Amino acid sequence: YNYANSVKGRFTASRANPQNTVFLQLNSLTQGDT
């Protein structure tokens, strides 16, 4: 995993296997995330 400093601690990437799907969970949203 690798994260930009701007989202570290707020966004989390994960993977579903074997569905070939990745997720991005966005927490503590701000208007800058628009």
PDB file of all heavy atoms in Angstrom:
ATOM      1  N   TYR A   1       0.829  -1.194   0.000  1.00  0.00           N
ATOM      2  CA  TYR A   1       0.000   0.000   0.000  1.00  0.00           C
ATOM      3  C   TYR A   1       0.866   1.247   0.000  1.00  0.00           C
ATOM      4  O   TYR A   1       1.948   1.278   0.599  1.00  0.00           O
ATOM      5  CB  TYR A   1      -0.912   0.022   1.229  1.00  0.00           C
ATOM      6  CG  TYR A   1      -1.800  -1.192   1.338  1.00  0.00           C
ATOM      7  CD1 TYR A   1      -1.389  -2.316   2.040  1.00  0.00           C
ATOM      8  CD2 TYR A   1      -3.052  -1.207   0.734  1.00  0.00           C
ATOM      9  CE1 TYR A   1      -2.200  -3.434   2.138  1.00  0.00           C
ATOM     10  CE2 TYR A   1      -3.870  -2.317   0.831  1.00  0.00           C
ATOM     11  CZ  TYR A   1      -3.442  -3.425   1.532  1.00  0.00           C
ATOM     12  OH  TYR A   1      -4.255  -4.529   1.626  1.00  0.00           O
ATOM     13  N   ASN A   2       0.357   2.257  -0.661  1.00  0.00           N
ATOM     14  CA  ASN A   2       1.005   3.552  -0.674  1.00  0.00           C
ATOM     15  C   ASN A   2      -0.069   4.633  -0.692  1.00  0.00           C
ATOM     16  O   ASN A   2      -1.067   4.501  -1.396  1.00  0.00           O
ATOM     17  CB  ASN A   2       1.923   3.690  -1.891  1.00  0.00           C
ATOM     18  CG  ASN A   2       2.870   4.857  -1.784  1.00  0.00           C
ATOM     19  OD1 ASN A   2       3.110   5.389  -0.703  1.00  0.00           O
ATOM     20  ND2 ASN A   2       3.429   5.260  -2.925  1.00  0.00           N
ATOM     21  N   TYR A   3       0.148   5.703   0.082  1.00  0.00           N
ATOM     22  CA  TYR A   3      -0.827   6.775   0.204  1.00  0.00           C
ATOM     23  C   TYR A   3      -0.143   8.119   0.086  1.00  0.00           C
ATOM     24  O   TYR A   3       0.988   8.304   0.534  1.00  0.00           O
ATOM     25  CB  TYR A   3      -1.546   6.716   1.550  1.00  0.00           C
ATOM     26  CG  TYR A   3      -2.356   5.465   1.776  1.00  0.00           C
ATOM     27  CD1 TYR A   3      -1.821   4.388   2.466  1.00  0.00           C
ATOM     28  CD2 TYR A   3      -3.659   5.367   1.303  1.00  0.00           C
ATOM     29  CE1 TYR A   3      -2.556   3.236   2.677  1.00  0.00           C
ATOM     30  CE2 TYR A   3      -4.407   4.226   1.510  1.00  0.00           C
ATOM     31  CZ  TYR A   3      -3.847   3.158   2.201  1.00  0.00           C
ATOM     32  OH  TYR A   3      -4.598   2.024   2.407  1.00  0.00           O
ATOM     33  N   ALA A   4      -0.868   9.047  -0.500  1.00  0.00           N
ATOM     34  CA  ALA A   4      -0.414  10.424  -0.485  1.00  0.00           C
ATOM     35  C   ALA A   4      -0.518  10.981   0.923  1.00  0.00           C
ATOM     36  O   ALA A   4      -1.408  10.608   1.700  1.00  0.00           O
ATOM     37  CB  ALA A   4      -1.240  11.277  -1.450  1.00  0.00           C
ATOM     38  N   ASN A   5       0.384  11.884   1.253  1.00  0.00           N
ATOM     39  CA  ASN A   5       0.363  12.466   2.588  1.00  0.00           C
ATOM     40  C   ASN A   5      -0.962  13.170   2.894  1.00  0.00           C
ATOM     41  O   ASN A   5      -1.399  13.186   4.048  1.00  0.00           O
ATOM     42  CB  ASN A   5       1.522  13.442   2.759  1.00  0.00           C
ATOM     43  CG  ASN A   5       2.868  12.745   2.823  1.00  0.00           C
ATOM     44  OD1 ASN A   5       2.964  11.591   3.220  1.00  0.00           O
ATOM     45  ND2 ASN A   5       3.915  13.450   2.440  1.00  0.00           N
ATOM     46  N   SER A   6      -1.595  13.708   1.872  1.00  0.00           N
ATOM     47  CA  SER A   6      -2.821  14.455   2.081  1.00  0.00           C
ATOM     48  C   SER A   6      -3.986  13.589   2.538  1.00  0.00           C
ATOM     49  O   SER A   6      -4.954  14.109   3.100  1.00  0.00           O
ATOM     50  CB  SER A   6      -3.207  15.207   0.805  1.00  0.00           C
ATOM     51  OG  SER A   6      -3.429  14.306  -0.263  1.00  0.00           O
ATOM     52  N   VAL A   7      -3.914  12.287   2.292  1.00  0.00           N
ATOM     53  CA  VAL A   7      -5.014  11.403   2.655  1.00  0.00           C
ATOM     54  C   VAL A   7      -4.601  10.339   3.653  1.00  0.00           C
ATOM     55  O   VAL A   7      -5.457   9.569   4.112  1.00  0.00           O
ATOM     56  CB  VAL A   7      -5.637  10.733   1.415  1.00  0.00           C
ATOM     57  CG1 VAL A   7      -6.042  11.773   0.388  1.00  0.00           C
ATOM     58  CG2 VAL A   7      -4.669   9.722   0.805  1.00  0.00           C
ATOM     59  N   LYS A   8      -3.344  10.283   3.993  1.00  0.00           N
ATOM     60  CA  LYS A   8      -2.862   9.267   4.917  1.00  0.00           C
ATOM     61  C   LYS A   8      -3.582   9.390   6.255  1.00  0.00           C
ATOM     62  O   LYS A   8      -3.665  10.472   6.835  1.00  0.00           O
ATOM     63  CB  LYS A   8      -1.352   9.399   5.091  1.00  0.00           C
ATOM     64  CG  LYS A   8      -0.685   8.202   5.734  1.00  0.00           C
ATOM     65  CD  LYS A   8       0.833   8.324   5.667  1.00  0.00           C
ATOM     66  CE  LYS A   8       1.322   8.344   4.234  1.00  0.00           C
ATOM     67  NZ  LYS A   8       2.804   8.423   4.148  1.00  0.00           N
ATOM     68  N   GLY A   9      -4.103   8.272   6.723  1.00  0.00           N
ATOM     69  CA  GLY A   9      -4.875   8.264   7.946  1.00  0.00           C
ATOM     70  C   GLY A   9      -6.353   8.488   7.742  1.00  0.00           C
ATOM     71  O   GLY A   9      -7.136   8.267   8.681  1.00  0.00           O
ATOM     72  N   ARG A  10      -6.761   8.934   6.557  1.00  0.00           N
ATOM     73  CA  ARG A  10      -8.173   9.145   6.251  1.00  0.00           C
ATOM     74  C   ARG A  10      -8.700   8.169   5.205  1.00  0.00           C
ATOM     75  O   ARG A  10      -9.842   7.726   5.302  1.00  0.00           O
ATOM     76  CB  ARG A  10      -8.417  10.571   5.758  1.00  0.00           C
ATOM     77  CG  ARG A  10      -8.105  11.653   6.770  1.00  0.00           C
ATOM     78  CD  ARG A  10      -8.693  12.993   6.338  1.00  0.00           C
ATOM     79  NE  ARG A  10      -8.163  13.433   5.047  1.00  0.00           N
ATOM     80  CZ  ARG A  10      -8.904  13.677   3.972  1.00  0.00           C
ATOM     81  NH1 ARG A  10     -10.230  13.513   4.017  1.00  0.00           N
ATOM     82  NH2 ARG A  10      -8.343  14.096   2.851  1.00  0.00           N
ATOM     83  N   PHE A  11      -7.898   7.872   4.198  1.00  0.00           N
ATOM     84  CA  PHE A  11      -8.306   6.981   3.114  1.00  0.00           C
ATOM     85  C   PHE A  11      -7.638   5.631   3.296  1.00  0.00           C
ATOM     86  O   PHE A  11      -6.476   5.553   3.717  1.00  0.00           O
ATOM     87  CB  PHE A  11      -7.911   7.549   1.750  1.00  0.00           C
ATOM     88  CG  PHE A  11      -8.659   8.784   1.327  1.00  0.00           C
ATOM     89  CD1 PHE A  11      -9.537   9.432   2.175  1.00  0.00           C
ATOM     90  CD2 PHE A  11      -8.474   9.296   0.053  1.00  0.00           C
ATOM     91  CE1 PHE A  11     -10.220  10.572   1.780  1.00  0.00           C
ATOM     92  CE2 PHE A  11      -9.150  10.429  -0.358  1.00  0.00           C
ATOM     93  CZ  PHE A  11     -10.019  11.064   0.501  1.00  0.00           C
ATOM     94  N   THR A  12      -8.353   4.583   2.948  1.00  0.00           N
ATOM     95  CA  THR A  12      -7.836   3.232   3.051  1.00  0.00           C
ATOM     96  C   THR A  12      -8.167   2.454   1.791  1.00  0.00           C
ATOM     97  O   THR A  12      -9.331   2.378   1.393  1.00  0.00           O
ATOM     98  CB  THR A  12      -8.421   2.497   4.267  1.00  0.00           C
ATOM     99  OG1 THR A  12      -8.156   3.238   5.461  1.00  0.00           O
ATOM    100  CG2 THR A  12      -7.801   1.116   4.399  1.00  0.00           C
ATOM    101  N   ALA A  13      -7.145   1.894   1.170  1.00  0.00           N
ATOM    102  CA  ALA A  13      -7.340   1.036   0.013  1.00  0.00           C
ATOM    103  C   ALA A  13      -7.377  -0.417   0.463  1.00  0.00           C
ATOM    104  O   ALA A  13      -6.673  -0.813   1.401  1.00  0.00           O
ATOM    105  CB  ALA A  13      -6.229   1.242  -1.012  1.00  0.00           C
ATOM    106  N   SER A  14      -8.189  -1.212  -0.210  1.00  0.00           N
ATOM    107  CA  SER A  14      -8.281  -2.623   0.102  1.00  0.00           C
ATOM    108  C   SER A  14      -8.607  -3.387  -1.166  1.00  0.00           C
ATOM    109  O   SER A  14      -8.933  -2.805  -2.198  1.00  0.00           O
ATOM    110  CB  SER A  14      -9.324  -2.890   1.194  1.00  0.00           C
ATOM    111  OG  SER A  14     -10.610  -2.459   0.781  1.00  0.00           O
ATOM    112  N   ARG A  15      -8.546  -4.690  -1.066  1.00  0.00           N
ATOM    113  CA  ARG A  15      -8.720  -5.548  -2.228  1.00  0.00           C
ATOM    114  C   ARG A  15      -9.683  -6.667  -1.917  1.00  0.00           C
ATOM    115  O   ARG A  15      -9.659  -7.229  -0.821  1.00  0.00           O
ATOM    116  CB  ARG A  15      -7.373  -6.125  -2.658  1.00  0.00           C
ATOM    117  CG  ARG A  15      -7.440  -7.077  -3.843  1.00  0.00           C
ATOM    118  CD  ARG A  15      -6.191  -7.921  -3.910  1.00  0.00           C
ATOM    119  NE  ARG A  15      -6.183  -8.798  -5.076  1.00  0.00           N
ATOM    120  CZ  ARG A  15      -5.392  -9.845  -5.215  1.00  0.00           C
ATOM    121  NH1 ARG A  15      -4.519 -10.149  -4.258  1.00  0.00           N
ATOM    122  NH2 ARG A  15      -5.453 -10.590  -6.314  1.00  0.00           N
ATOM    123  N   ALA A  16     -10.521  -6.987  -2.898  1.00  0.00           N
ATOM    124  CA  ALA A  16     -11.366  -8.164  -2.854  1.00  0.00           C
ATOM    125  C   ALA A  16     -10.805  -9.201  -3.812  1.00  0.00           C
ATOM    126  O   ALA A  16     -10.532  -8.897  -4.973  1.00  0.00           O
ATOM    127  CB  ALA A  16     -12.806  -7.822  -3.220  1.00  0.00           C
ATOM    128  N   ASN A  17     -10.627 -10.390  -3.326  1.00  0.00           N
ATOM    129  CA  ASN A  17     -10.045 -11.481  -4.096  1.00  0.00           C
ATOM    130  C   ASN A  17     -10.975 -12.683  -4.003  1.00  0.00           C
ATOM    131  O   ASN A  17     -11.360 -13.067  -2.894  1.00  0.00           O
ATOM    132  CB  ASN A  17      -8.665 -11.810  -3.535  1.00  0.00           C
ATOM    133  CG  ASN A  17      -7.896 -12.799  -4.387  1.00  0.00           C
ATOM    134  OD1 ASN A  17      -8.262 -13.103  -5.504  1.00  0.00           O
ATOM    135  ND2 ASN A  17      -6.805 -13.310  -3.818  1.00  0.00           N
ATOM    136  N   PRO A  18     -11.386 -13.275  -5.127  1.00  0.00           N
ATOM    137  CA  PRO A  18     -10.820 -13.197  -6.489  1.00  0.00           C
ATOM    138  C   PRO A  18     -11.593 -12.303  -7.452  1.00  0.00           C
ATOM    139  O   PRO A  18     -11.491 -12.476  -8.665  1.00  0.00           O
ATOM    140  CB  PRO A  18     -10.908 -14.651  -6.928  1.00  0.00           C
ATOM    141  CG  PRO A  18     -12.195 -15.130  -6.329  1.00  0.00           C
ATOM    142  CD  PRO A  18     -12.310 -14.412  -4.995  1.00  0.00           C
ATOM    143  N   GLN A  19     -12.336 -11.357  -6.944  1.00  0.00           N
ATOM    144  CA  GLN A  19     -13.218 -10.568  -7.793  1.00  0.00           C
ATOM    145  C   GLN A  19     -12.486  -9.503  -8.601  1.00  0.00           C
ATOM    146  O   GLN A  19     -13.123  -8.781  -9.377  1.00  0.00           O
ATOM    147  CB  GLN A  19     -14.304  -9.899  -6.946  1.00  0.00           C
ATOM    148  CG  GLN A  19     -15.319 -10.865  -6.354  1.00  0.00           C
ATOM    149  CD  GLN A  19     -14.837 -11.516  -5.078  1.00  0.00           C
ATOM    150  OE1 GLN A  19     -13.764 -11.220  -4.576  1.00  0.00           O
ATOM    151  NE2 GLN A  19     -15.650 -12.416  -4.538  1.00  0.00           N
ATOM    152  N   ASN A  20     -11.171  -9.383  -8.413  1.00  0.00           N
ATOM    153  CA  ASN A  20     -10.399  -8.363  -9.114  1.00  0.00           C
ATOM    154  C   ASN A  20     -10.991  -6.977  -8.875  1.00  0.00           C
ATOM    155  O   ASN A  20     -11.183  -6.194  -9.807  1.00  0.00           O
ATOM    156  CB  ASN A  20     -10.309  -8.668 -10.608  1.00  0.00           C
ATOM    157  CG  ASN A  20      -9.509  -9.914 -10.894  1.00  0.00           C
ATOM    158  OD1 ASN A  20      -8.626 -10.296 -10.129  1.00  0.00           O
ATOM    159  ND2 ASN A  20      -9.806 -10.560 -12.018  1.00  0.00           N
ATOM    160  N   THR A  21     -11.258  -6.693  -7.631  1.00  0.00           N
ATOM    161  CA  THR A  21     -11.854  -5.436  -7.233  1.00  0.00           C
ATOM    162  C   THR A  21     -11.020  -4.803  -6.134  1.00  0.00           C
ATOM    163  O   THR A  21     -10.582  -5.491  -5.206  1.00  0.00           O
ATOM    164  CB  THR A  21     -13.289  -5.630  -6.735  1.00  0.00           C
ATOM    165  OG1 THR A  21     -14.075  -6.254  -7.756  1.00  0.00           O
ATOM    166  CG2 THR A  21     -13.923  -4.306  -6.353  1.00  0.00           C
ATOM    167  N   VAL A  22     -10.791  -3.523  -6.245  1.00  0.00           N
ATOM    168  CA  VAL A  22     -10.162  -2.760  -5.181  1.00  0.00           C
ATOM    169  C   VAL A  22     -11.135  -1.693  -4.709  1.00  0.00           C
ATOM    170  O   VAL A  22     -11.982  -1.217  -5.473  1.00  0.00           O
ATOM    171  CB  VAL A  22      -8.813  -2.136  -5.598  1.00  0.00           C
ATOM    172  CG1 VAL A  22      -7.803  -3.217  -5.925  1.00  0.00           C
ATOM    173  CG2 VAL A  22      -8.997  -1.192  -6.778  1.00  0.00           C
ATOM    174  N   PHE A  23     -11.001  -1.322  -3.461  1.00  0.00           N
ATOM    175  CA  PHE A  23     -11.863  -0.335  -2.841  1.00  0.00           C
ATOM    176  C   PHE A  23     -11.025   0.810  -2.307  1.00  0.00           C
ATOM    177  O   PHE A  23      -9.858   0.649  -1.971  1.00  0.00           O
ATOM    178  CB  PHE A  23     -12.667  -0.955  -1.694  1.00  0.00           C
ATOM    179  CG  PHE A  23     -13.499  -2.131  -2.099  1.00  0.00           C
ATOM    180  CD1 PHE A  23     -13.010  -3.418  -1.982  1.00  0.00           C
ATOM    181  CD2 PHE A  23     -14.774  -1.946  -2.600  1.00  0.00           C
ATOM    182  CE1 PHE A  23     -13.775  -4.505  -2.353  1.00  0.00           C
ATOM    183  CE2 PHE A  23     -15.551  -3.025  -2.975  1.00  0.00           C
ATOM    184  CZ  PHE A  23     -15.049  -4.305  -2.852  1.00  0.00           C
ATOM    185  N   LEU A  24     -11.655   1.937  -2.211  1.00  0.00           N
ATOM    186  CA  LEU A  24     -11.066   3.077  -1.538  1.00  0.00           C
ATOM    187  C   LEU A  24     -12.094   3.621  -0.559  1.00  0.00           C
ATOM    188  O   LEU A  24     -13.154   4.096  -0.971  1.00  0.00           O
ATOM    189  CB  LEU A  24     -10.644   4.170  -2.522  1.00  0.00           C
ATOM    190  CG  LEU A  24      -9.921   5.360  -1.892  1.00  0.00           C
ATOM    191  CD1 LEU A  24      -8.553   4.939  -1.360  1.00  0.00           C
ATOM    192  CD2 LEU A  24      -9.772   6.501  -2.897  1.00  0.00           C
ATOM    193  N   GLN A  25     -11.783   3.514   0.716  1.00  0.00           N
ATOM    194  CA  GLN A  25     -12.645   4.064   1.754  1.00  0.00           C
ATOM    195  C   GLN A  25     -12.162   5.462   2.097  1.00  0.00           C
ATOM    196  O   GLN A  25     -11.000   5.645   2.464  1.00  0.00           O
ATOM    197  CB  GLN A  25     -12.644   3.169   2.989  1.00  0.00           C
ATOM    198  CG  GLN A  25     -13.572   3.664   4.089  1.00  0.00           C
ATOM    199  CD  GLN A  25     -13.689   2.701   5.243  1.00  0.00           C
ATOM    200  OE1 GLN A  25     -13.260   1.553   5.156  1.00  0.00           O
ATOM    201  NE2 GLN A  25     -14.282   3.155   6.333  1.00  0.00           N
ATOM    202  N   LEU A  26     -13.055   6.409   1.974  1.00  0.00           N
ATOM    203  CA  LEU A  26     -12.749   7.808   2.234  1.00  0.00           C
ATOM    204  C   LEU A  26     -13.438   8.214   3.526  1.00  0.00           C
ATOM    205  O   LEU A  26     -14.666   8.278   3.587  1.00  0.00           O
ATOM    206  CB  LEU A  26     -13.219   8.710   1.091  1.00  0.00           C
ATOM    207  CG  LEU A  26     -12.567   8.578  -0.292  1.00  0.00           C
ATOM    208  CD1 LEU A  26     -12.991   7.295  -0.997  1.00  0.00           C
ATOM    209  CD2 LEU A  26     -12.956   9.771  -1.162  1.00  0.00           C
ATOM    210  N   ASN A  27     -12.660   8.481   4.545  1.00  0.00           N
ATOM    211  CA  ASN A  27     -13.183   8.898   5.838  1.00  0.00           C
ATOM    212  C   ASN A  27     -12.850  10.357   6.094  1.00  0.00           C
ATOM    213  O   ASN A  27     -11.949  10.927   5.483  1.00  0.00           O
ATOM    214  CB  ASN A  27     -12.613   8.036   6.959  1.00  0.00           C
ATOM    215  CG  ASN A  27     -13.051   6.594   6.885  1.00  0.00           C
ATOM    216  OD1 ASN A  27     -14.145   6.286   6.404  1.00  0.00           O
ATOM    217  ND2 ASN A  27     -12.210   5.692   7.374  1.00  0.00           N
ATOM    218  N   SER A  28     -13.570  10.928   7.033  1.00  0.00           N
ATOM    219  CA  SER A  28     -13.343  12.317   7.440  1.00  0.00           C
ATOM    220  C   SER A  28     -13.283  13.237   6.233  1.00  0.00           C
ATOM    221  O   SER A  28     -12.353  14.026   6.059  1.00  0.00           O
ATOM    222  CB  SER A  28     -12.055  12.418   8.272  1.00  0.00           C
ATOM    223  OG  SER A  28     -12.120  11.600   9.415  1.00  0.00           O
ATOM    224  N   LEU A  29     -14.292  13.142   5.399  1.00  0.00           N
ATOM    225  CA  LEU A  29     -14.314  13.890   4.146  1.00  0.00           C
ATOM    226  C   LEU A  29     -14.287  15.387   4.389  1.00  0.00           C
ATOM    227  O   LEU A  29     -14.893  15.896   5.340  1.00  0.00           O
ATOM    228  CB  LEU A  29     -15.555  13.524   3.343  1.00  0.00           C
ATOM    229  CG  LEU A  29     -15.550  12.141   2.691  1.00  0.00           C
ATOM    230  CD1 LEU A  29     -16.953  11.767   2.237  1.00  0.00           C
ATOM    231  CD2 LEU A  29     -14.583  12.121   1.512  1.00  0.00           C
ATOM    232  N   THR A  30     -13.591  16.068   3.508  1.00  0.00           N
ATOM    233  CA  THR A  30     -13.573  17.522   3.483  1.00  0.00           C
ATOM    234  C   THR A  30     -13.989  17.993   2.106  1.00  0.00           C
ATOM    235  O   THR A  30     -14.038  17.219   1.144  1.00  0.00           O
ATOM    236  CB  THR A  30     -12.179  18.078   3.821  1.00  0.00           C
ATOM    237  OG1 THR A  30     -11.287  17.840   2.724  1.00  0.00           O
ATOM    238  CG2 THR A  30     -11.626  17.426   5.079  1.00  0.00           C
ATOM    239  N   GLN A  31     -14.294  19.280   1.989  1.00  0.00           N
ATOM    240  CA  GLN A  31     -14.651  19.829   0.688  1.00  0.00           C
ATOM    241  C   GLN A  31     -13.504  19.692  -0.305  1.00  0.00           C
ATOM    242  O   GLN A  31     -13.746  19.623  -1.514  1.00  0.00           O
ATOM    243  CB  GLN A  31     -15.073  21.291   0.817  1.00  0.00           C
ATOM    244  CG  GLN A  31     -16.433  21.474   1.470  1.00  0.00           C
ATOM    245  CD  GLN A  31     -16.853  22.921   1.507  1.00  0.00           C
ATOM    246  OE1 GLN A  31     -16.284  23.716   2.252  1.00  0.00           O
ATOM    247  NE2 GLN A  31     -17.851  23.260   0.700  1.00  0.00           N
ATOM    248  N   GLY A  32     -12.288  19.640   0.174  1.00  0.00           N
ATOM    249  CA  GLY A  32     -11.153  19.443  -0.705  1.00  0.00           C
ATOM    250  C   GLY A  32     -11.112  18.086  -1.362  1.00  0.00           C
ATOM    251  O   GLY A  32     -10.378  17.891  -2.343  1.00  0.00           O
ATOM    252  N   ASP A  33     -11.880  17.137  -0.855  1.00  0.00           N
ATOM    253  CA  ASP A  33     -11.947  15.814  -1.462  1.00  0.00           C
ATOM    254  C   ASP A  33     -12.904  15.769  -2.639  1.00  0.00           C
ATOM    255  O   ASP A  33     -12.972  14.746  -3.335  1.00  0.00           O
ATOM    256  CB  ASP A  33     -12.371  14.781  -0.422  1.00  0.00           C
ATOM    257  CG  ASP A  33     -11.373  14.652   0.713  1.00  0.00           C
ATOM    258  OD1 ASP A  33     -10.155  14.693   0.446  1.00  0.00           O
ATOM    259  OD2 ASP A  33     -11.822  14.510   1.866  1.00  0.00           O
ATOM    260  N   THR A  34     -13.655  16.825  -2.854  1.00  0.00           N
ATOM    261  CA  THR A  34     -14.553  16.896  -4.002  1.00  0.00           C
ATOM    262  C   THR A  34     -13.773  16.769  -5.302  1.00  0.00           C
ATOM    263  O   THR A  34     -12.675  17.314  -5.436  1.00  0.00           O
ATOM    264  CB  THR A  34     -15.332  18.213  -3.984  1.00  0.00           C
ATOM    265  OG1 THR A  34     -16.243  18.205  -2.883  1.00  0.00           O
ATOM    266  CG2 THR A  34     -16.127  18.407  -5.268  1.00  0.00           C
TER     267      THR A  34
END
